[in-house]
Amino acid sequence: MSSLKRAVIKIGSHSLSSAQGGLNGVVIDRLAWSIAALRERGIECILVSSGAVAAGMVKLGLKKKPKDIAGKQAAAAVGQGILIEKYSYFFEKYNLTCAQVLLSRIDLVESAHYRNAQNTLERLLKYGIVPIVNENDTVVFEELCFGDNDKLSALVAGIVDADMLILLTDVDGLFTANPAKNQDAKLIPLVEDVTSVKALAEGVGSELGTGGMITKLKAAEIASRFGISTFLMNASRLQEIINISEGDYPLGTLFPPHEHKLTGKKRWMAYAALSMGTVMIDEGAERALIQNRKSLLASGVIKVEGDWDRKDIIRIVNVKGDEIARGVAELSGTETEQAKGLHSDEILALFKDLKAEELVHRDNMTVL
């Protein structure tokens, strides 16, 4: 772990909230101290923090989290200021300056916006600032939200090319069963393949939060594909994260990085960009993509869903409906419907302005 130079730390609403309601100053103080200690060890930190809605609920006198979008946005609008004020107060105790960075899905959909977010975070780190990232709940549409800050934290880790993603939660890690329901449940300290343990995730999280164990496994899966390790641990032990820099892991679950990591534009295509349509391909085309690392030809397409434009991102699924890749389409949805099943010479004759025969070129595709 001597190579650990940059970490993204994510903490959820439940871990930040006090029993009486509102934000727990003791937890925020410990978090600020831990980040300051990591900084002293030469490790840059980005914090992804929930808590705005929870903080706003108290100010608005709400007992339960609003279920409608407008209610959530109103609570977030009130709570964002309270949240960053709390962080600023405790970070200043340890001679740290923090900056609020609010992101919505639309900020990452366009590649130019993605680069802008990347540049902003990099510049803040260069200035010695601790970015505190949260979803911009006050303006985001439901269709363009991340859904939970676990996924956001994994995407942020990819944006800044972090070495590790640390997920702070209210359990000690991933167990063989739900420890709240099964006293024989055992902690799993190391998970090599996230897909093999997804069935173990149960529940949807706390009343204040938006995700449970399944969202954390999905975040670990994304980070792993980015070549980033993920460590899942109890927020009650958050001060122990300073030992990770020395290879001394606290109680928790480690998800090592994938052997074949995605980089640059392929990270964006795989998890940040919005797909505008879907093509289903036959088994031969699937083998060509996955085993032979070939481009996708229209001859392998058997079904088209959606109405996209040329150069839009589309999903590529197999005959079972499993998404196996994403990429930039060289034909629109209507044109792809016309071209499906045709051979290259027929397609080039049909569309005179095409310069190549591929529906999705290998260089503009990410296999998932």
Protein backbone atom coordinates (compact mmCIF):
# COMPACT_ATOMS: atom_id res chain seq x y z
CA MET A 1 0.00 0.00 0.00
CA SER A 2 3.00 2.31 -0.24
CA SER A 3 1.58 3.31 -3.63
CA LEU A 4 -1.59 4.74 -2.04
CA LYS A 5 -1.48 8.41 -3.00
CA ARG A 6 -5.12 9.31 -3.57
CA ALA A 7 -8.28 7.99 -1.89
CA VAL A 8 -11.99 8.64 -2.28
CA ILE A 9 -13.92 8.24 0.96
CA LYS A 10 -17.70 7.87 0.93
CA ILE A 11 -19.94 8.24 3.96
CA GLY A 12 -23.72 7.82 3.98
CA SER A 13 -26.62 9.59 5.65
CA HIS A 14 -27.16 6.93 8.29
CA SER A 15 -23.55 7.12 9.46
CA LEU A 16 -23.67 10.93 9.58
CA SER A 17 -26.97 11.26 11.42
CA SER A 18 -27.41 11.45 15.18
CA ALA A 19 -30.05 9.51 17.12
CA GLN A 20 -31.80 12.78 17.88
CA GLY A 21 -31.90 13.78 14.23
CA GLY A 22 -29.66 16.03 12.19
CA LEU A 23 -25.92 15.72 11.67
CA ASN A 24 -23.63 14.00 14.15
CA GLY A 25 -20.80 16.41 14.97
CA VAL A 26 -18.73 13.69 16.66
CA VAL A 27 -18.66 11.61 13.46
CA ILE A 28 -17.80 14.62 11.29
CA ASP A 29 -15.00 15.55 13.71
CA ARG A 30 -13.54 12.04 13.50
CA LEU A 31 -13.81 12.12 9.73
CA ALA A 32 -12.01 15.47 9.54
CA TRP A 33 -9.27 14.18 11.86
CA SER A 34 -8.83 11.02 9.79
CA ILE A 35 -8.55 12.92 6.52
CA ALA A 36 -6.06 15.32 8.09
CA ALA A 37 -3.99 12.32 9.26
CA LEU A 38 -4.05 10.82 5.77
CA ARG A 39 -3.01 14.16 4.29
CA GLU A 40 -0.02 14.23 6.66
CA ARG A 41 0.98 10.87 5.17
CA GLY A 42 0.95 12.37 1.69
CA ILE A 43 -2.43 10.93 0.66
CA GLU A 44 -4.85 13.20 -1.18
CA CYS A 45 -8.49 12.73 -0.17
CA ILE A 46 -11.82 13.37 -1.86
CA LEU A 47 -14.90 12.98 0.31
CA VAL A 48 -18.23 11.90 -1.15
CA SER A 49 -20.84 12.73 1.45
CA SER A 50 -24.55 12.19 1.74
CA GLY A 51 -26.51 13.97 4.46
CA ALA A 52 -28.01 17.06 2.82
CA VAL A 53 -31.57 15.70 2.81
CA ALA A 54 -31.21 14.38 6.36
CA ALA A 55 -29.93 17.78 7.55
CA GLY A 56 -32.72 19.60 5.73
CA MET A 57 -35.39 17.36 7.21
CA VAL A 58 -34.56 18.56 10.73
CA LYS A 59 -34.65 22.22 9.72
CA LEU A 60 -37.99 21.69 7.99
CA GLY A 61 -39.43 19.73 10.91
CA LEU A 62 -39.93 16.57 8.85
CA LYS A 63 -40.00 13.21 10.63
CA LYS A 64 -39.75 11.07 7.52
CA LYS A 65 -37.80 11.43 4.32
CA PRO A 66 -39.99 12.90 1.54
CA LYS A 67 -40.96 10.40 -1.12
CA ASP A 68 -41.63 12.87 -3.92
CA ILE A 69 -38.89 14.56 -5.95
CA ALA A 70 -39.94 18.10 -5.02
CA GLY A 71 -39.91 17.24 -1.31
CA LYS A 72 -36.45 15.68 -1.53
CA GLN A 73 -35.14 18.65 -3.50
CA ALA A 74 -36.55 21.12 -0.97
CA ALA A 75 -34.92 19.25 1.92
CA ALA A 76 -31.63 19.05 0.00
CA ALA A 77 -31.72 22.78 -0.80
CA VAL A 78 -32.04 23.60 2.91
CA GLY A 79 -29.60 20.90 4.02
CA GLN A 80 -26.70 21.52 1.61
CA GLY A 81 -25.71 24.74 3.34
CA ILE A 82 -25.96 23.13 6.78
CA LEU A 83 -23.88 20.16 5.66
CA ILE A 84 -20.99 22.14 4.16
CA GLU A 85 -21.02 24.56 7.11
CA LYS A 86 -20.55 21.62 9.49
CA TYR A 87 -17.73 20.21 7.41
CA SER A 88 -16.02 23.59 7.13
CA TYR A 89 -16.12 24.09 10.90
CA PHE A 90 -14.57 20.72 11.75
CA PHE A 91 -12.06 20.71 8.88
CA GLU A 92 -10.74 24.09 9.98
CA LYS A 93 -9.95 22.56 13.40
CA TYR A 94 -7.31 20.49 11.60
CA ASN A 95 -6.10 23.27 9.30
CA LEU A 96 -7.93 21.94 6.29
CA THR A 97 -10.01 23.83 3.74
CA CYS A 98 -12.87 22.04 2.03
CA ALA A 99 -14.86 22.87 -1.10
CA GLN A 100 -18.36 21.78 -2.02
CA VAL A 101 -18.68 20.12 -5.42
CA LEU A 102 -22.24 19.31 -6.50
CA LEU A 103 -22.58 16.92 -9.42
CA SER A 104 -25.59 15.65 -11.31
CA ARG A 105 -25.61 12.86 -13.84
CA ILE A 106 -25.86 15.38 -16.66
CA ASP A 107 -22.44 16.73 -15.60
CA LEU A 108 -20.90 13.40 -16.56
CA VAL A 109 -23.05 12.47 -19.57
CA GLU A 110 -21.25 14.69 -22.07
CA SER A 111 -17.56 13.92 -22.44
CA ALA A 112 -16.72 17.65 -22.29
CA HIS A 113 -18.65 18.03 -19.02
CA TYR A 114 -16.90 14.95 -17.69
CA ARG A 115 -13.53 16.53 -18.39
CA ASN A 116 -14.65 19.78 -16.74
CA ALA A 117 -15.54 17.91 -13.56
CA GLN A 118 -12.20 16.13 -13.74
CA ASN A 119 -10.29 19.40 -14.19
CA THR A 120 -12.09 21.07 -11.29
CA LEU A 121 -11.37 18.22 -8.88
CA GLU A 122 -7.75 18.01 -9.97
CA ARG A 123 -7.24 21.75 -9.49
CA LEU A 124 -8.77 21.66 -5.99
CA LEU A 125 -6.40 18.84 -5.04
CA LYS A 126 -3.48 20.77 -6.47
CA TYR A 127 -4.42 23.69 -4.22
CA GLY A 128 -4.48 21.40 -1.19
CA ILE A 129 -8.26 21.58 -0.82
CA VAL A 130 -10.44 18.63 0.23
CA PRO A 131 -13.32 18.36 -2.30
CA ILE A 132 -16.61 17.30 -0.71
CA VAL A 133 -18.76 15.85 -3.46
CA ASN A 134 -22.49 15.28 -3.32
CA GLU A 135 -25.23 14.80 -5.86
CA ASN A 136 -26.94 18.03 -6.82
CA ASP A 137 -30.31 16.87 -5.50
CA THR A 138 -31.87 20.33 -5.73
CA VAL A 139 -32.10 20.40 -9.53
CA VAL A 140 -31.63 16.87 -10.84
CA PHE A 141 -34.39 15.03 -12.70
CA GLU A 142 -35.20 11.51 -11.55
CA GLU A 143 -34.10 10.11 -14.91
CA LEU A 144 -30.71 11.80 -14.56
CA CYS A 145 -29.85 11.01 -10.96
CA PHE A 146 -27.13 8.64 -9.80
CA GLY A 147 -29.64 6.93 -7.50
CA ASP A 148 -27.19 6.66 -4.62
CA ASN A 149 -23.87 8.14 -3.58
CA ASP A 150 -22.19 4.72 -3.64
CA LYS A 151 -22.25 4.77 -7.43
CA LEU A 152 -21.30 8.45 -7.45
CA SER A 153 -18.27 7.71 -5.28
CA ALA A 154 -17.08 5.00 -7.68
CA LEU A 155 -17.45 7.35 -10.65
CA VAL A 156 -15.59 10.10 -8.78
CA ALA A 157 -12.81 7.60 -7.98
CA GLY A 158 -12.57 6.96 -11.72
CA ILE A 159 -12.63 10.65 -12.62
CA VAL A 160 -9.65 11.44 -10.37
CA ASP A 161 -7.90 8.10 -10.99
CA ALA A 162 -7.84 7.25 -7.28
CA ASP A 163 -5.89 4.33 -5.86
CA MET A 164 -8.60 3.31 -3.41
CA LEU A 165 -12.31 3.81 -2.71
CA ILE A 166 -13.25 3.55 0.97
CA LEU A 167 -16.94 2.97 1.66
CA LEU A 168 -17.97 3.81 5.24
CA THR A 169 -21.20 2.16 6.28
CA ASP A 170 -23.03 0.89 9.38
CA VAL A 171 -21.86 -2.72 9.11
CA ASP A 172 -18.39 -4.27 9.39
CA GLY A 173 -18.26 -5.38 5.75
CA LEU A 174 -19.79 -8.04 3.54
CA PHE A 175 -21.06 -11.13 5.37
CA THR A 176 -22.04 -14.61 4.24
CA ALA A 177 -25.59 -13.73 5.37
CA ASN A 178 -27.39 -10.73 6.82
CA PRO A 179 -25.80 -10.39 10.30
CA ALA A 180 -28.92 -8.65 11.61
CA LYS A 181 -30.95 -11.78 10.86
CA ASN A 182 -28.42 -14.60 11.10
CA GLN A 183 -26.06 -14.87 14.08
CA ASP A 184 -23.93 -17.41 12.19
CA ALA A 185 -23.10 -14.88 9.47
CA LYS A 186 -19.36 -14.52 8.92
CA LEU A 187 -17.41 -11.57 7.59
CA ILE A 188 -15.80 -12.04 4.17
CA PRO A 189 -12.44 -10.22 4.32
CA LEU A 190 -11.56 -10.52 0.61
CA VAL A 191 -13.76 -10.66 -2.50
CA GLU A 192 -11.91 -11.33 -5.75
CA ASP A 193 -15.03 -11.32 -7.98
CA VAL A 194 -17.94 -9.05 -7.07
CA THR A 195 -20.40 -10.86 -9.34
CA SER A 196 -19.97 -14.05 -7.28
CA VAL A 197 -21.29 -12.41 -4.08
CA LYS A 198 -24.14 -10.20 -5.29
CA ALA A 199 -26.69 -12.74 -4.06
CA LEU A 200 -25.47 -12.11 -0.50
CA ALA A 201 -26.65 -8.49 -0.52
CA GLU A 202 -29.94 -8.03 1.29
CA GLY A 203 -32.08 -5.06 2.28
CA VAL A 204 -32.33 -1.55 0.93
CA GLY A 205 -30.49 0.32 3.64
CA SER A 206 -31.66 2.61 6.39
CA GLU A 207 -34.67 4.91 6.36
CA LEU A 208 -32.42 7.93 5.79
CA GLY A 209 -30.26 6.38 3.08
CA THR A 210 -30.97 5.45 -0.53
CA GLY A 211 -28.94 2.28 -0.87
CA GLY A 212 -27.99 -0.93 0.87
CA MET A 213 -25.30 -3.53 0.42
CA ILE A 214 -26.21 -4.12 -3.22
CA THR A 215 -25.36 -0.53 -4.14
CA LYS A 216 -22.00 -0.87 -2.41
CA LEU A 217 -21.22 -4.05 -4.33
CA LYS A 218 -22.11 -2.28 -7.57
CA ALA A 219 -19.80 0.58 -6.60
CA ALA A 220 -17.01 -1.90 -5.84
CA GLU A 221 -17.61 -3.55 -9.22
CA ILE A 222 -17.30 -0.23 -11.05
CA ALA A 223 -14.17 0.77 -9.13
CA SER A 224 -12.64 -2.65 -9.79
CA ARG A 225 -13.12 -2.19 -13.54
CA PHE A 226 -11.35 1.16 -13.20
CA GLY A 227 -8.36 -0.61 -11.63
CA ILE A 228 -9.20 0.79 -8.18
CA SER A 229 -9.34 -1.16 -4.92
CA THR A 230 -12.44 -0.81 -2.72
CA PHE A 231 -12.52 -1.24 1.04
CA LEU A 232 -15.84 -1.58 2.87
CA MET A 233 -15.79 -0.89 6.61
CA ASN A 234 -17.84 0.32 9.56
CA ALA A 235 -17.97 4.10 9.98
CA SER A 236 -17.63 3.60 13.74
CA ARG A 237 -14.00 2.62 13.04
CA LEU A 238 -13.31 5.38 10.56
CA GLN A 239 -10.25 6.63 12.47
CA GLU A 240 -8.58 3.32 11.64
CA ILE A 241 -8.46 4.18 7.93
CA ILE A 242 -5.14 5.94 8.56
CA ASN A 243 -3.59 2.48 9.05
CA ILE A 244 -4.52 1.44 5.51
CA SER A 245 -1.66 3.55 4.17
CA GLU A 246 0.70 1.19 6.01
CA GLY A 247 -1.02 -1.96 4.80
CA ASP A 248 -2.77 -2.57 8.12
CA TYR A 249 -6.42 -3.02 7.19
CA PRO A 250 -9.15 -2.55 9.80
CA LEU A 251 -12.04 -4.99 10.07
CA GLY A 252 -13.80 -4.95 6.73
CA THR A 253 -13.96 -6.35 3.20
CA LEU A 254 -11.42 -5.65 0.47
CA PHE A 255 -12.30 -5.75 -3.23
CA PRO A 256 -9.07 -5.73 -5.30
CA PRO A 257 -8.91 -4.12 -8.75
CA HIS A 258 -9.77 -5.97 -11.94
CA GLU A 259 -6.84 -7.40 -13.87
CA HIS A 260 -7.90 -5.65 -17.09
CA LYS A 261 -8.81 -2.11 -16.13
CA LEU A 262 -10.72 0.46 -18.16
CA THR A 263 -9.00 3.78 -18.75
CA GLY A 264 -9.81 7.21 -20.13
CA LYS A 265 -12.70 7.43 -22.56
CA LYS A 266 -13.70 3.80 -22.03
CA ARG A 267 -14.41 4.50 -18.34
CA TRP A 268 -16.77 7.26 -19.38
CA MET A 269 -18.50 5.14 -22.02
CA ALA A 270 -19.00 2.21 -19.67
CA TYR A 271 -20.48 3.91 -16.61
CA ALA A 272 -20.94 7.67 -16.95
CA ALA A 273 -22.37 8.25 -20.42
CA LEU A 274 -26.09 7.69 -20.99
CA SER A 275 -26.98 5.04 -23.55
CA MET A 276 -29.59 6.11 -26.07
CA GLY A 277 -30.60 2.70 -27.38
CA THR A 278 -29.91 -1.03 -27.44
CA VAL A 279 -28.94 -3.65 -29.98
CA MET A 280 -29.22 -7.38 -29.37
CA ILE A 281 -26.57 -9.49 -31.10
CA ASP A 282 -26.29 -13.17 -31.94
CA GLU A 283 -23.88 -15.62 -30.33
CA GLY A 284 -21.35 -15.36 -33.13
CA ALA A 285 -21.12 -11.59 -32.77
CA GLU A 286 -20.84 -11.98 -28.99
CA ARG A 287 -17.85 -14.29 -29.40
CA ALA A 288 -16.26 -11.87 -31.83
CA LEU A 289 -16.57 -9.02 -29.33
CA ILE A 290 -15.54 -10.82 -26.15
CA GLN A 291 -13.13 -13.54 -27.25
CA ASN A 292 -11.64 -12.08 -30.42
CA ARG A 293 -11.92 -8.38 -29.43
CA LYS A 294 -13.44 -7.44 -32.77
CA SER A 295 -15.68 -4.54 -33.80
CA LEU A 296 -19.45 -5.00 -34.01
CA LEU A 297 -20.83 -5.51 -37.49
CA ALA A 298 -24.49 -4.99 -38.36
CA SER A 299 -24.66 -8.57 -39.66
CA GLY A 300 -24.62 -9.78 -36.04
CA VAL A 301 -27.53 -7.59 -34.90
CA ILE A 302 -30.87 -9.38 -34.44
CA LYS A 303 -32.92 -6.74 -32.60
CA VAL A 304 -32.93 -2.93 -32.29
CA GLU A 305 -34.51 -0.88 -29.49
CA GLY A 306 -34.54 2.92 -29.36
CA ASP A 307 -34.22 5.84 -31.73
CA TRP A 308 -30.74 7.28 -31.48
CA ASP A 309 -28.59 9.48 -33.69
CA ARG A 310 -25.24 8.66 -35.23
CA LYS A 311 -22.36 8.89 -32.70
CA ASP A 312 -24.67 8.28 -29.72
CA ILE A 313 -23.74 5.72 -27.07
CA ILE A 314 -25.70 2.45 -27.30
CA ARG A 315 -25.92 -0.70 -25.19
CA ILE A 316 -24.99 -4.06 -26.70
CA VAL A 317 -26.75 -7.08 -25.20
CA ASN A 318 -26.58 -10.80 -25.91
CA VAL A 319 -29.52 -13.11 -26.70
CA LYS A 320 -30.18 -13.48 -22.95
CA GLY A 321 -30.55 -9.72 -22.59
CA ASP A 322 -27.31 -9.31 -20.59
CA GLU A 323 -25.41 -6.12 -21.34
CA ILE A 324 -21.96 -7.08 -22.58
CA ALA A 325 -20.67 -3.82 -24.06
CA ARG A 326 -21.31 -0.16 -24.83
CA GLY A 327 -20.05 1.91 -27.69
CA VAL A 328 -20.45 4.75 -30.17
CA ALA A 329 -22.89 3.87 -32.96
CA GLU A 330 -21.89 4.76 -36.50
CA LEU A 331 -25.51 4.44 -37.64
CA SER A 332 -28.71 5.91 -36.20
CA GLY A 333 -31.36 3.69 -34.66
CA THR A 334 -33.50 3.84 -37.82
CA GLU A 335 -30.49 3.07 -40.01
CA THR A 336 -29.45 0.19 -37.76
CA GLU A 337 -32.93 -1.31 -38.10
CA GLN A 338 -32.47 -1.21 -41.88
CA ALA A 339 -28.93 -2.59 -41.70
CA LYS A 340 -29.36 -5.42 -39.17
CA GLY A 341 -28.38 -8.80 -40.58
CA LEU A 342 -26.84 -7.27 -43.72
CA HIS A 343 -23.26 -7.85 -44.81
CA SER A 344 -20.73 -5.05 -45.04
CA ASP A 345 -20.90 -4.54 -48.81
CA GLU A 346 -24.70 -4.29 -48.64
CA ILE A 347 -24.50 -1.68 -45.87
CA LEU A 348 -21.94 0.44 -47.71
CA ALA A 349 -24.16 0.34 -50.78
CA LEU A 350 -27.20 1.33 -48.68
CA PHE A 351 -25.49 4.22 -46.91
CA LYS A 352 -23.17 5.94 -49.38
CA ASP A 353 -21.75 8.39 -46.81
CA LEU A 354 -20.38 5.70 -44.49
CA LYS A 355 -16.59 5.56 -44.38
CA ALA A 356 -16.35 2.20 -42.58
CA GLU A 357 -18.32 -1.00 -42.32
CA GLU A 358 -18.51 -1.31 -38.52
CA LEU A 359 -21.66 -0.48 -36.59
CA VAL A 360 -19.50 0.06 -33.47
CA HIS A 361 -15.74 0.21 -33.93
CA ARG A 362 -13.58 -1.59 -31.40
CA ASP A 363 -11.74 1.63 -30.51
CA ASN A 364 -15.06 3.24 -29.53
CA MET A 365 -16.39 0.31 -27.53
CA THR A 366 -16.11 -0.87 -23.93
CA VAL A 367 -16.68 -4.54 -23.17
CA LEU A 368 -18.20 -4.87 -19.70
